[in-house]
Amino acid sequence: MWIKKIIAYGLLSFALINGFNHLTACTSNSNIDSQSISPNSKIYFKKYRSNLIRVEYLEPQNCNGEVVLFLPGWNYSAVDWKVKTTMVDSAIKGGFSVLLVDMGKSVYVDSIYPQARTDYKNYPTRTWLWNEVLSEYNHKGWFVDFSKSYSKPKSHVFGLSTGARGAALLFLDHPTAFGKVVLLSGDFDPLLIKNDALLTHSMGKYDLFMWRWVQGSNNIQYRFNNAQIVPATHTNSFADTAPTVELFVAHGHKDKVVPIIHSENLCAILKQEEQDGTVYLKFTNEVDRKKNNRIHSIKIHVHCWLDPQGGHDYLFWEKASLEAWNLMF
C-alpha cells in the first residue's frame, strides 16, 4: 500500500512540475503571441477526487483587470478554445485575462448524486469549480457575488455545448458575478430527452428522480421559466441600480448533437415582455430564492443568434463567438 502511495505522490509531483515548466510550450502551440503574455501566467492542477484537473491562467501584458472563463463541452479539452478558435487570442489582445479549466466528462451538475455512475463521480461539479477554482481569484475582484452593491462585474464566461449548460448554471447560481454570458449550442432543458445518457448517469433515471429532473437546480429551462419577468411598468424604481448582464445565446439549425429547440425555447422565455432587447428577471422559484433573495432584479440584455447553416462544431463556435465578441466586448 505504501509503495502505491509513493508512486501516486511522485506522479502528482511530476504533473504539477511538468505543468509549470511547459507553459511556454503550450502557449506557443496556439495563435497567441508569447510576447503578449505576462510572466504571471501559469498552468496548475487541482485535485478532484481521483482526478487532477488542469487549469490554465493566462494574463496579458496590458491587463485591463477583467477575466474571461472559457468552458469546454463534454470530454472536450479546454485548450481547444485556444487552438481551435481565435477567442483566447482576442481576449488577450483586448487586455482580458483568461481561465481555461479542463472539466472532462462533467455535465456541470451541482453535486454528486448517490445514483451517479461510478466513473462519472470523478468529474467536477460546478459547485467545486466555483468554490475551488474560481473563488481563488476573489482577491482580483473576479467571480464575486456582489449582492446589493451592484458593482460592475469584472468576470465573463463563454461555454460551448455542455459547457454552455455550465455557463448558464453558473450565471443562475451567481447572477451578479458575471457581466457577459455567452451560450453556444447548449442543452438547457433535460425534459426534452428524459433518457439522456449523460444526465441519467449523473442524476439517476428520470422516472425514479422526477423532482430532481423537473424542478432541481440543474434544470436551466425551469429556473429561467419560473423567474418572475418584471413588467416594464414596474422597473422604473430599480432600472438604474439593477445588475446588468449581457446574455448571448447562439445555436445552429444543422446541429445534429444538441437540437436547436433548446436555445429556441430559452430565447422564447427571455423575449417575453422585452423592451429594446432588455428583460428584467426576479428569481422567485424555490431553488433560486434561497440564493438570490437579496437581489431585487437582474437586468438582462438578450441577444439570440440562430444560424441556418450552423452545426455542432468549431466552425460554428468560432463564428458565433466572434459575433458575440464584436457585439458585447
Foldseek 3Di string as FASTA:
>chain_A
DVVVVVVVVVVQVCVFVVQFVCPVVLLVLFPADPQQWDPVWGWGWDAFVPDTKIKTKTFTPQAPLAAEEEEEAAQDFLCCCGHVACVVNVCSVVRHIYMGIGQHRDLQAQAFDPQADPVNSRGDHLVCCLPPPQVVCVVSVASDQPQQPLDAARYEYEYAESGLLNQLLSCLLRVQRHAEYERELYQQQCVVPQVPPSVCNGPNHCVVPVCCRQPNSSRSLNQLLQWDWDAPVPCPVCVVRAREHEYEYEYECAAPPRHCVRRVSVVVSQCPNDDPQKIKTHGDDPNRCVRRVSHPIYIYRYHYYYHHGDYRDSVNVNVSSVVSVVVPD
